[in-house]
């Protein structure tokens, strides 16, 4: 290596070797790890939770939260891209992505497959949407009502079927569908009387649709609440990442950041419901 000279107080040079940044100064040599790039998959079409396809800068609650996390962890550079739910999880298993954000629940299967920080990144508030002149305020009020078909195998379908198993005295007219009708259309079906109620997590932007279209629809208090978590590719290298993210998520909850972001994107404070 060529000699480094100084004509005044001191000059610096930077050499990179073996993934380690070596800062050379007149006073000696200091070592610091290079910034590690973290590839993150976010939801592509789940406004306001997250949206933005490949090549489009992700927007929404989770992308903003990830930016806030990254600001406290300068040893990483977060790079986000939108992906389908299947694409997120396959990419996470194979190592294409280091992390995925998609409003995920913590399940036994996911605990085995991925590293999951103990601190939640949000909360999914399951609510019932019905016309304002209805008497529907909770699950028991759905008896005899026309319920919008539930996506087969989805989180809402699992919740409702589990509720029925735990409350055998109540019979609900529940049907499963793979039609994939957008929820704004479903809200309009409540408005025009085709259905009486829609059961859905509130973090999909329903209130914005109700307000923008001036629909005569109300949302119930949450009928169930589930924490949501970031999923991290399982590897020895990512154990430190999971610990760092867990620590910062706790800080962002305590300093009001998650409250502010949830009010910005969902119009309500989800932190009060986080377990």
C-alpha atoms as a PDB file:
ATOM      1  CA  UNK A   1       0.000   0.000   0.000  1.00  0.00           C
ATOM      2  CA  UNK A   2       1.420   3.406  -0.899  1.00  0.00           C
ATOM      3  CA  UNK A   3       2.469   5.701   1.914  1.00  0.00           C
ATOM      4  CA  UNK A   4       0.075   8.396   3.094  1.00  0.00           C
ATOM      5  CA  UNK A   5       1.628  11.790   3.671  1.00  0.00           C
ATOM      6  CA  UNK A   6       0.353  15.005   5.237  1.00  0.00           C
ATOM      7  CA  UNK A   7       1.393  18.529   4.295  1.00  0.00           C
ATOM      8  CA  UNK A   8      -0.643  20.228   7.056  1.00  0.00           C
ATOM      9  CA  UNK A   9      -2.502  18.846  10.101  1.00  0.00           C
ATOM     10  CA  UNK A  10      -3.712  15.517   8.664  1.00  0.00           C
ATOM     11  CA  UNK A  11      -5.413  13.937   5.699  1.00  0.00           C
ATOM     12  CA  UNK A  12      -7.454  10.780   5.444  1.00  0.00           C
ATOM     13  CA  UNK A  13      -7.757   7.917   3.022  1.00  0.00           C
ATOM     14  CA  UNK A  14     -10.237   5.051   2.922  1.00  0.00           C
ATOM     15  CA  UNK A  15      -9.455   1.520   1.888  1.00  0.00           C
ATOM     16  CA  UNK A  16     -11.935  -1.365   1.770  1.00  0.00           C
ATOM     17  CA  UNK A  17     -10.728  -4.907   2.257  1.00  0.00           C
ATOM     18  CA  UNK A  18     -12.664  -8.110   2.912  1.00  0.00           C
ATOM     19  CA  UNK A  19     -15.958  -6.316   3.542  1.00  0.00           C
ATOM     20  CA  UNK A  20     -14.416  -4.114   6.260  1.00  0.00           C
ATOM     21  CA  UNK A  21     -14.044  -0.364   5.873  1.00  0.00           C
ATOM     22  CA  UNK A  22     -10.560   0.718   7.046  1.00  0.00           C
ATOM     23  CA  UNK A  23     -10.201   4.424   7.821  1.00  0.00           C
ATOM     24  CA  UNK A  24      -6.557   5.546   7.700  1.00  0.00           C
ATOM     25  CA  UNK A  25      -5.676   8.805   9.431  1.00  0.00           C
ATOM     26  CA  UNK A  26      -2.511  10.507  10.614  1.00  0.00           C
ATOM     27  CA  UNK A  27      -3.455   9.413  14.111  1.00  0.00           C
ATOM     28  CA  UNK A  28      -3.783   5.711  13.262  1.00  0.00           C
ATOM     29  CA  UNK A  29      -6.213   3.157  11.823  1.00  0.00           C
ATOM     30  CA  UNK A  30      -9.848   2.663  12.848  1.00  0.00           C
ATOM     31  CA  UNK A  31     -12.099  -0.155  11.713  1.00  0.00           C
ATOM     32  CA  UNK A  32     -15.832  -0.204  11.078  1.00  0.00           C
ATOM     33  CA  UNK A  33     -18.160  -2.669   9.390  1.00  0.00           C
ATOM     34  CA  UNK A  34     -19.608  -1.701   6.034  1.00  0.00           C
ATOM     35  CA  UNK A  35     -23.303  -0.872   5.817  1.00  0.00           C
ATOM     36  CA  UNK A  36     -25.305  -4.028   5.101  1.00  0.00           C
ATOM     37  CA  UNK A  37     -28.108  -3.865   2.524  1.00  0.00           C
ATOM     38  CA  UNK A  38     -31.361  -5.455   3.693  1.00  0.00           C
ATOM     39  CA  UNK A  39     -33.796  -6.509   0.963  1.00  0.00           C
ATOM     40  CA  UNK A  40     -37.412  -6.091   2.100  1.00  0.00           C
ATOM     41  CA  UNK A  41     -40.659  -7.200   0.458  1.00  0.00           C
ATOM     42  CA  UNK A  42     -43.716  -5.058   1.168  1.00  0.00           C
ATOM     43  CA  UNK A  43     -47.317  -5.508   0.059  1.00  0.00           C
ATOM     44  CA  UNK A  44     -47.908  -4.359  -3.500  1.00  0.00           C
ATOM     45  CA  UNK A  45     -51.647  -3.628  -3.297  1.00  0.00           C
ATOM     46  CA  UNK A  46     -52.750  -3.198   0.323  1.00  0.00           C
ATOM     47  CA  UNK A  47     -53.370   0.550   0.581  1.00  0.00           C
ATOM     48  CA  UNK A  48     -52.931   2.131   3.135  1.00  0.00           C
ATOM     49  CA  UNK A  49     -50.956  -0.651   4.834  1.00  0.00           C
ATOM     50  CA  UNK A  50     -48.513  -0.679   1.896  1.00  0.00           C
ATOM     51  CA  UNK A  51     -48.594  -0.419  -1.871  1.00  0.00           C
ATOM     52  CA  UNK A  52     -46.214   0.005  -4.783  1.00  0.00           C
ATOM     53  CA  UNK A  53     -45.199  -2.617  -7.348  1.00  0.00           C
ATOM     54  CA  UNK A  54     -41.635  -3.429  -8.416  1.00  0.00           C
ATOM     55  CA  UNK A  55     -39.919  -0.274  -9.608  1.00  0.00           C
ATOM     56  CA  UNK A  56     -42.289   1.969  -7.618  1.00  0.00           C
ATOM     57  CA  UNK A  57     -41.263   3.415  -4.270  1.00  0.00           C
ATOM     58  CA  UNK A  58     -43.450   1.680  -1.639  1.00  0.00           C
ATOM     59  CA  UNK A  59     -45.833   3.899   0.296  1.00  0.00           C
ATOM     60  CA  UNK A  60     -48.080   3.419   3.289  1.00  0.00           C
ATOM     61  CA  UNK A  61     -47.915   2.650   6.996  1.00  0.00           C
ATOM     62  CA  UNK A  62     -45.399  -0.191   6.861  1.00  0.00           C
ATOM     63  CA  UNK A  63     -42.961   1.478   4.414  1.00  0.00           C
ATOM     64  CA  UNK A  64     -42.965   4.609   6.592  1.00  0.00           C
ATOM     65  CA  UNK A  65     -42.399   2.479   9.687  1.00  0.00           C
ATOM     66  CA  UNK A  66     -39.523   0.660   7.991  1.00  0.00           C
ATOM     67  CA  UNK A  67     -37.939   4.015   7.129  1.00  0.00           C
ATOM     68  CA  UNK A  68     -38.248   5.052  10.788  1.00  0.00           C
ATOM     69  CA  UNK A  69     -36.582   1.793  11.854  1.00  0.00           C
ATOM     70  CA  UNK A  70     -33.769   2.256   9.342  1.00  0.00           C
ATOM     71  CA  UNK A  71     -33.143   5.803  10.604  1.00  0.00           C
ATOM     72  CA  UNK A  72     -32.240   4.313  13.992  1.00  0.00           C
ATOM     73  CA  UNK A  73     -30.099   1.543  12.497  1.00  0.00           C
ATOM     74  CA  UNK A  74     -27.451   3.223  10.297  1.00  0.00           C
ATOM     75  CA  UNK A  75     -25.516  -0.048  10.029  1.00  0.00           C
ATOM     76  CA  UNK A  76     -28.202  -1.207   7.565  1.00  0.00           C
ATOM     77  CA  UNK A  77     -29.579   0.116   4.300  1.00  0.00           C
ATOM     78  CA  UNK A  78     -33.199  -0.961   3.789  1.00  0.00           C
ATOM     79  CA  UNK A  79     -34.231  -1.525   0.178  1.00  0.00           C
ATOM     80  CA  UNK A  80     -37.979  -2.140  -0.286  1.00  0.00           C
ATOM     81  CA  UNK A  81     -40.003  -3.467  -3.192  1.00  0.00           C
ATOM     82  CA  UNK A  82     -43.652  -4.451  -3.541  1.00  0.00           C
ATOM     83  CA  UNK A  83     -44.563  -8.117  -3.951  1.00  0.00           C
ATOM     84  CA  UNK A  84     -47.622 -10.359  -3.736  1.00  0.00           C
ATOM     85  CA  UNK A  85     -48.223 -12.225  -0.474  1.00  0.00           C
ATOM     86  CA  UNK A  86     -47.083 -15.508  -2.059  1.00  0.00           C
ATOM     87  CA  UNK A  87     -44.063 -13.770  -3.578  1.00  0.00           C
ATOM     88  CA  UNK A  88     -43.137 -12.285  -0.217  1.00  0.00           C
ATOM     89  CA  UNK A  89     -43.164 -15.549   1.679  1.00  0.00           C
ATOM     90  CA  UNK A  90     -41.485 -17.642  -1.031  1.00  0.00           C
ATOM     91  CA  UNK A  91     -38.808 -14.965  -1.390  1.00  0.00           C
ATOM     92  CA  UNK A  92     -38.336 -14.889   2.368  1.00  0.00           C
ATOM     93  CA  UNK A  93     -37.917 -18.671   2.628  1.00  0.00           C
ATOM     94  CA  UNK A  94     -35.401 -18.792  -0.232  1.00  0.00           C
ATOM     95  CA  UNK A  95     -33.412 -15.810   1.001  1.00  0.00           C
ATOM     96  CA  UNK A  96     -34.291 -13.504  -1.881  1.00  0.00           C
ATOM     97  CA  UNK A  97     -35.598 -11.150   0.799  1.00  0.00           C
ATOM     98  CA  UNK A  98     -34.164 -10.586   4.267  1.00  0.00           C
ATOM     99  CA  UNK A  99     -37.437  -9.245   5.613  1.00  0.00           C
ATOM    100  CA  UNK A 100     -41.133  -9.067   4.724  1.00  0.00           C
ATOM    101  CA  UNK A 101     -43.839  -6.666   5.895  1.00  0.00           C
ATOM    102  CA  UNK A 102     -47.438  -7.541   5.138  1.00  0.00           C
ATOM    103  CA  UNK A 103     -49.540  -7.267   8.283  1.00  0.00           C
ATOM    104  CA  UNK A 104     -48.492 -10.796   9.276  1.00  0.00           C
ATOM    105  CA  UNK A 105     -49.819 -12.647  12.304  1.00  0.00           C
ATOM    106  CA  UNK A 106     -47.470 -14.753  14.423  1.00  0.00           C
ATOM    107  CA  UNK A 107     -48.398 -18.409  13.830  1.00  0.00           C
ATOM    108  CA  UNK A 108     -46.690 -21.660  14.919  1.00  0.00           C
ATOM    109  CA  UNK A 109     -45.707 -22.362  11.305  1.00  0.00           C
ATOM    110  CA  UNK A 110     -44.178 -18.907  10.825  1.00  0.00           C
ATOM    111  CA  UNK A 111     -42.325 -19.158  14.136  1.00  0.00           C
ATOM    112  CA  UNK A 112     -40.630 -22.299  12.794  1.00  0.00           C
ATOM    113  CA  UNK A 113     -39.896 -20.831   9.362  1.00  0.00           C
ATOM    114  CA  UNK A 114     -38.749 -17.307  10.176  1.00  0.00           C
ATOM    115  CA  UNK A 115     -37.147 -15.050  12.746  1.00  0.00           C
ATOM    116  CA  UNK A 116     -39.894 -12.872  14.249  1.00  0.00           C
ATOM    117  CA  UNK A 117     -39.121  -9.935  16.564  1.00  0.00           C
ATOM    118  CA  UNK A 118     -41.012 -10.080  19.865  1.00  0.00           C
ATOM    119  CA  UNK A 119     -42.156  -6.461  19.445  1.00  0.00           C
ATOM    120  CA  UNK A 120     -45.148  -6.132  17.079  1.00  0.00           C
ATOM    121  CA  UNK A 121     -45.081  -3.624  14.241  1.00  0.00           C
ATOM    122  CA  UNK A 122     -48.820  -2.995  14.340  1.00  0.00           C
ATOM    123  CA  UNK A 123     -52.223  -4.451  15.055  1.00  0.00           C
ATOM    124  CA  UNK A 124     -55.008  -5.813  12.881  1.00  0.00           C
ATOM    125  CA  UNK A 125     -58.382  -4.611  14.139  1.00  0.00           C
ATOM    126  CA  UNK A 126     -61.215  -6.815  12.863  1.00  0.00           C
ATOM    127  CA  UNK A 127     -64.385  -4.746  12.533  1.00  0.00           C
ATOM    128  CA  UNK A 128     -67.923  -5.130  11.218  1.00  0.00           C
ATOM    129  CA  UNK A 129     -69.091  -2.639   8.596  1.00  0.00           C
ATOM    130  CA  UNK A 130     -72.846  -2.078   8.294  1.00  0.00           C
ATOM    131  CA  UNK A 131     -75.324   0.663   7.473  1.00  0.00           C
ATOM    132  CA  UNK A 132     -75.665   3.326  10.138  1.00  0.00           C
ATOM    133  CA  UNK A 133     -79.347   2.512  10.643  1.00  0.00           C
ATOM    134  CA  UNK A 134     -78.583  -1.152  11.466  1.00  0.00           C
ATOM    135  CA  UNK A 135     -78.452  -2.638  14.957  1.00  0.00           C
ATOM    136  CA  UNK A 136     -75.202  -4.505  14.191  1.00  0.00           C
ATOM    137  CA  UNK A 137     -72.481  -3.819  16.750  1.00  0.00           C
ATOM    138  CA  UNK A 138     -70.930  -7.235  17.400  1.00  0.00           C
ATOM    139  CA  UNK A 139     -70.668 -10.785  16.089  1.00  0.00           C
ATOM    140  CA  UNK A 140     -73.865 -11.963  17.816  1.00  0.00           C
ATOM    141  CA  UNK A 141     -75.799  -9.289  15.947  1.00  0.00           C
ATOM    142  CA  UNK A 142     -74.960 -11.019  12.641  1.00  0.00           C
ATOM    143  CA  UNK A 143     -77.431 -13.832  13.272  1.00  0.00           C
ATOM    144  CA  UNK A 144     -79.967 -13.810  10.409  1.00  0.00           C
ATOM    145  CA  UNK A 145     -77.992 -11.160   8.493  1.00  0.00           C
ATOM    146  CA  UNK A 146     -76.593 -11.346   4.969  1.00  0.00           C
ATOM    147  CA  UNK A 147     -72.813 -11.347   5.367  1.00  0.00           C
ATOM    148  CA  UNK A 148     -70.483 -10.484   2.487  1.00  0.00           C
ATOM    149  CA  UNK A 149     -68.729 -13.734   1.361  1.00  0.00           C
ATOM    150  CA  UNK A 150     -65.351 -14.243   3.031  1.00  0.00           C
ATOM    151  CA  UNK A 151     -62.148 -15.001   1.133  1.00  0.00           C
ATOM    152  CA  UNK A 152     -61.550 -18.738   1.440  1.00  0.00           C
ATOM    153  CA  UNK A 153     -58.561 -19.474   3.655  1.00  0.00           C
ATOM    154  CA  UNK A 154     -58.072 -15.796   4.552  1.00  0.00           C
ATOM    155  CA  UNK A 155     -57.588 -14.381   8.020  1.00  0.00           C
ATOM    156  CA  UNK A 156     -61.171 -13.132   8.264  1.00  0.00           C
ATOM    157  CA  UNK A 157     -62.567 -16.531   7.272  1.00  0.00           C
ATOM    158  CA  UNK A 158     -60.406 -18.217   9.917  1.00  0.00           C
ATOM    159  CA  UNK A 159     -61.537 -15.750  12.569  1.00  0.00           C
ATOM    160  CA  UNK A 160     -65.245 -16.168  11.791  1.00  0.00           C
ATOM    161  CA  UNK A 161     -65.109 -19.972  11.628  1.00  0.00           C
ATOM    162  CA  UNK A 162     -63.181 -20.055  14.913  1.00  0.00           C
ATOM    163  CA  UNK A 163     -65.733 -17.718  16.514  1.00  0.00           C
ATOM    164  CA  UNK A 164     -68.540 -20.029  15.384  1.00  0.00           C
ATOM    165  CA  UNK A 165     -66.730 -23.027  16.883  1.00  0.00           C
ATOM    166  CA  UNK A 166     -66.396 -21.169  20.189  1.00  0.00           C
ATOM    167  CA  UNK A 167     -70.002 -19.920  20.123  1.00  0.00           C
ATOM    168  CA  UNK A 168     -72.073 -22.927  18.943  1.00  0.00           C
ATOM    169  CA  UNK A 169     -75.301 -21.295  20.100  1.00  0.00           C
ATOM    170  CA  UNK A 170     -75.123 -18.734  17.312  1.00  0.00           C
ATOM    171  CA  UNK A 171     -75.649 -19.601  13.649  1.00  0.00           C
ATOM    172  CA  UNK A 172     -74.284 -17.250  11.006  1.00  0.00           C
ATOM    173  CA  UNK A 173     -74.829 -17.417   7.255  1.00  0.00           C
ATOM    174  CA  UNK A 174     -71.166 -17.610   6.231  1.00  0.00           C
ATOM    175  CA  UNK A 175     -70.008 -18.416   2.705  1.00  0.00           C
ATOM    176  CA  UNK A 176     -66.492 -18.619   1.299  1.00  0.00           C
ATOM    177  CA  UNK A 177     -65.526 -17.093  -2.026  1.00  0.00           C
ATOM    178  CA  UNK A 178     -62.490 -16.809  -4.283  1.00  0.00           C
ATOM    179  CA  UNK A 179     -64.055 -14.059  -6.360  1.00  0.00           C
ATOM    180  CA  UNK A 180     -61.605 -11.442  -5.149  1.00  0.00           C
ATOM    181  CA  UNK A 181     -64.126  -8.567  -5.259  1.00  0.00           C
ATOM    182  CA  UNK A 182     -62.341  -5.366  -4.095  1.00  0.00           C
ATOM    183  CA  UNK A 183     -63.459  -4.185  -0.678  1.00  0.00           C
ATOM    184  CA  UNK A 184     -64.601  -0.732  -1.980  1.00  0.00           C
ATOM    185  CA  UNK A 185     -67.127  -2.635  -4.119  1.00  0.00           C
ATOM    186  CA  UNK A 186     -68.128  -4.665  -1.074  1.00  0.00           C
ATOM    187  CA  UNK A 187     -68.767  -1.479   0.902  1.00  0.00           C
ATOM    188  CA  UNK A 188     -71.030  -0.268  -1.865  1.00  0.00           C
ATOM    189  CA  UNK A 189     -72.906  -3.582  -1.697  1.00  0.00           C
ATOM    190  CA  UNK A 190     -73.576  -2.791   1.958  1.00  0.00           C
ATOM    191  CA  UNK A 191     -74.699   0.694   0.992  1.00  0.00           C
ATOM    192  CA  UNK A 192     -77.168  -0.535  -1.667  1.00  0.00           C
ATOM    193  CA  UNK A 193     -78.575  -3.297   0.541  1.00  0.00           C
ATOM    194  CA  UNK A 194     -77.259  -6.378  -1.251  1.00  0.00           C
ATOM    195  CA  UNK A 195     -75.594  -7.396   2.016  1.00  0.00           C
ATOM    196  CA  UNK A 196     -76.085  -6.366   5.626  1.00  0.00           C
ATOM    197  CA  UNK A 197     -72.524  -6.591   6.903  1.00  0.00           C
ATOM    198  CA  UNK A 198     -68.873  -6.887   5.942  1.00  0.00           C
ATOM    199  CA  UNK A 199     -66.288  -8.334   8.356  1.00  0.00           C
ATOM    200  CA  UNK A 200     -62.772  -7.119   7.592  1.00  0.00           C
ATOM    201  CA  UNK A 201     -59.572  -5.761   9.214  1.00  0.00           C
ATOM    202  CA  UNK A 202     -59.731  -1.959   9.371  1.00  0.00           C
ATOM    203  CA  UNK A 203     -56.174  -1.388   8.097  1.00  0.00           C
ATOM    204  CA  UNK A 204     -57.191  -1.708   4.440  1.00  0.00           C
ATOM    205  CA  UNK A 205     -58.456   1.860   4.136  1.00  0.00           C
ATOM    206  CA  UNK A 206     -62.180   1.246   4.519  1.00  0.00           C
ATOM    207  CA  UNK A 207     -62.795   4.494   6.406  1.00  0.00           C
ATOM    208  CA  UNK A 208     -61.172   6.516   3.608  1.00  0.00           C
ATOM    209  CA  UNK A 209     -63.567   4.896   1.094  1.00  0.00           C
ATOM    210  CA  UNK A 210     -66.536   5.566   3.370  1.00  0.00           C
ATOM    211  CA  UNK A 211     -65.528   9.213   3.797  1.00  0.00           C
ATOM    212  CA  UNK A 212     -64.580   9.847   0.158  1.00  0.00           C
ATOM    213  CA  UNK A 213     -67.739   8.271  -1.235  1.00  0.00           C
ATOM    214  CA  UNK A 214     -69.903   9.630   1.580  1.00  0.00           C
ATOM    215  CA  UNK A 215     -71.305   6.180   2.333  1.00  0.00           C
ATOM    216  CA  UNK A 216     -73.886   5.817   5.088  1.00  0.00           C
ATOM    217  CA  UNK A 217     -71.840   3.068   6.744  1.00  0.00           C
ATOM    218  CA  UNK A 218     -70.480   2.651  10.263  1.00  0.00           C
ATOM    219  CA  UNK A 219     -67.637   0.574  11.672  1.00  0.00           C
ATOM    220  CA  UNK A 220     -68.026  -1.383  14.892  1.00  0.00           C
ATOM    221  CA  UNK A 221     -65.512  -1.452  17.703  1.00  0.00           C
ATOM    222  CA  UNK A 222     -62.901  -4.185  17.088  1.00  0.00           C
ATOM    223  CA  UNK A 223     -64.418  -7.651  17.490  1.00  0.00           C
ATOM    224  CA  UNK A 224     -60.937  -9.124  17.741  1.00  0.00           C
ATOM    225  CA  UNK A 225     -57.396  -7.741  17.714  1.00  0.00           C
ATOM    226  CA  UNK A 226     -54.241  -9.463  16.506  1.00  0.00           C
ATOM    227  CA  UNK A 227     -50.731  -8.074  16.660  1.00  0.00           C
ATOM    228  CA  UNK A 228     -48.877  -7.973  13.358  1.00  0.00           C
ATOM    229  CA  UNK A 229     -45.179  -8.685  12.939  1.00  0.00           C
ATOM    230  CA  UNK A 230     -42.255  -8.306  10.578  1.00  0.00           C
ATOM    231  CA  UNK A 231     -40.903 -11.621   9.271  1.00  0.00           C
ATOM    232  CA  UNK A 232     -37.142 -12.107   8.827  1.00  0.00           C
ATOM    233  CA  UNK A 233     -35.321 -14.752   6.791  1.00  0.00           C
ATOM    234  CA  UNK A 234     -33.962 -17.391   9.163  1.00  0.00           C
ATOM    235  CA  UNK A 235     -30.168 -17.351   9.131  1.00  0.00           C
ATOM    236  CA  UNK A 236     -27.338 -16.862  11.609  1.00  0.00           C
ATOM    237  CA  UNK A 237     -26.473 -13.590   9.916  1.00  0.00           C
ATOM    238  CA  UNK A 238     -29.984 -12.241  10.480  1.00  0.00           C
ATOM    239  CA  UNK A 239     -30.139 -12.953  14.224  1.00  0.00           C
ATOM    240  CA  UNK A 240     -28.504  -9.602  14.964  1.00  0.00           C
ATOM    241  CA  UNK A 241     -30.894  -7.914  12.517  1.00  0.00           C
ATOM    242  CA  UNK A 242     -33.902  -9.419  14.323  1.00  0.00           C
ATOM    243  CA  UNK A 243     -32.565  -8.231  17.696  1.00  0.00           C
ATOM    244  CA  UNK A 244     -31.908  -4.731  16.362  1.00  0.00           C
ATOM    245  CA  UNK A 245     -35.363  -4.452  14.765  1.00  0.00           C
ATOM    246  CA  UNK A 246     -37.016  -5.749  17.949  1.00  0.00           C
ATOM    247  CA  UNK A 247     -35.272  -3.106  20.063  1.00  0.00           C
ATOM    248  CA  UNK A 248     -36.127  -0.245  17.708  1.00  0.00           C
ATOM    249  CA  UNK A 249     -39.784  -1.285  17.341  1.00  0.00           C
ATOM    250  CA  UNK A 250     -40.113  -1.067  21.121  1.00  0.00           C
ATOM    251  CA  UNK A 251     -38.542   2.418  21.052  1.00  0.00           C
ATOM    252  CA  UNK A 252     -40.849   3.593  18.250  1.00  0.00           C
ATOM    253  CA  UNK A 253     -43.884   2.408  20.168  1.00  0.00           C
ATOM    254  CA  UNK A 254     -42.759   4.203  23.328  1.00  0.00           C
ATOM    255  CA  UNK A 255     -41.791   7.490  21.635  1.00  0.00           C
ATOM    256  CA  UNK A 256     -45.125   7.824  19.789  1.00  0.00           C
ATOM    257  CA  UNK A 257     -43.854   7.155  16.263  1.00  0.00           C
ATOM    258  CA  UNK A 258     -46.146   4.176  15.652  1.00  0.00           C
ATOM    259  CA  UNK A 259     -49.092   6.143  17.050  1.00  0.00           C
ATOM    260  CA  UNK A 260     -48.391   9.047  14.690  1.00  0.00           C
ATOM    261  CA  UNK A 261     -47.984   6.795  11.648  1.00  0.00           C
ATOM    262  CA  UNK A 262     -51.162   4.841  12.393  1.00  0.00           C
ATOM    263  CA  UNK A 263     -53.144   8.061  12.783  1.00  0.00           C
ATOM    264  CA  UNK A 264     -51.689   9.309   9.497  1.00  0.00           C
ATOM    265  CA  UNK A 265     -52.516   6.190   7.487  1.00  0.00           C
ATOM    266  CA  UNK A 266     -55.459   4.560   9.316  1.00  0.00           C
ATOM    267  CA  UNK A 267     -57.109   7.541  10.983  1.00  0.00           C
ATOM    268  CA  UNK A 268     -56.871   5.887  14.411  1.00  0.00           C
ATOM    269  CA  UNK A 269     -54.301   4.967  17.045  1.00  0.00           C
ATOM    270  CA  UNK A 270     -53.622   1.236  16.828  1.00  0.00           C
ATOM    271  CA  UNK A 271     -51.070   1.293  19.677  1.00  0.00           C
ATOM    272  CA  UNK A 272     -53.841   1.319  22.290  1.00  0.00           C
ATOM    273  CA  UNK A 273     -54.861  -2.127  21.007  1.00  0.00           C
ATOM    274  CA  UNK A 274     -51.382  -3.651  20.688  1.00  0.00           C
ATOM    275  CA  UNK A 275     -50.876  -6.433  23.213  1.00  0.00           C
END
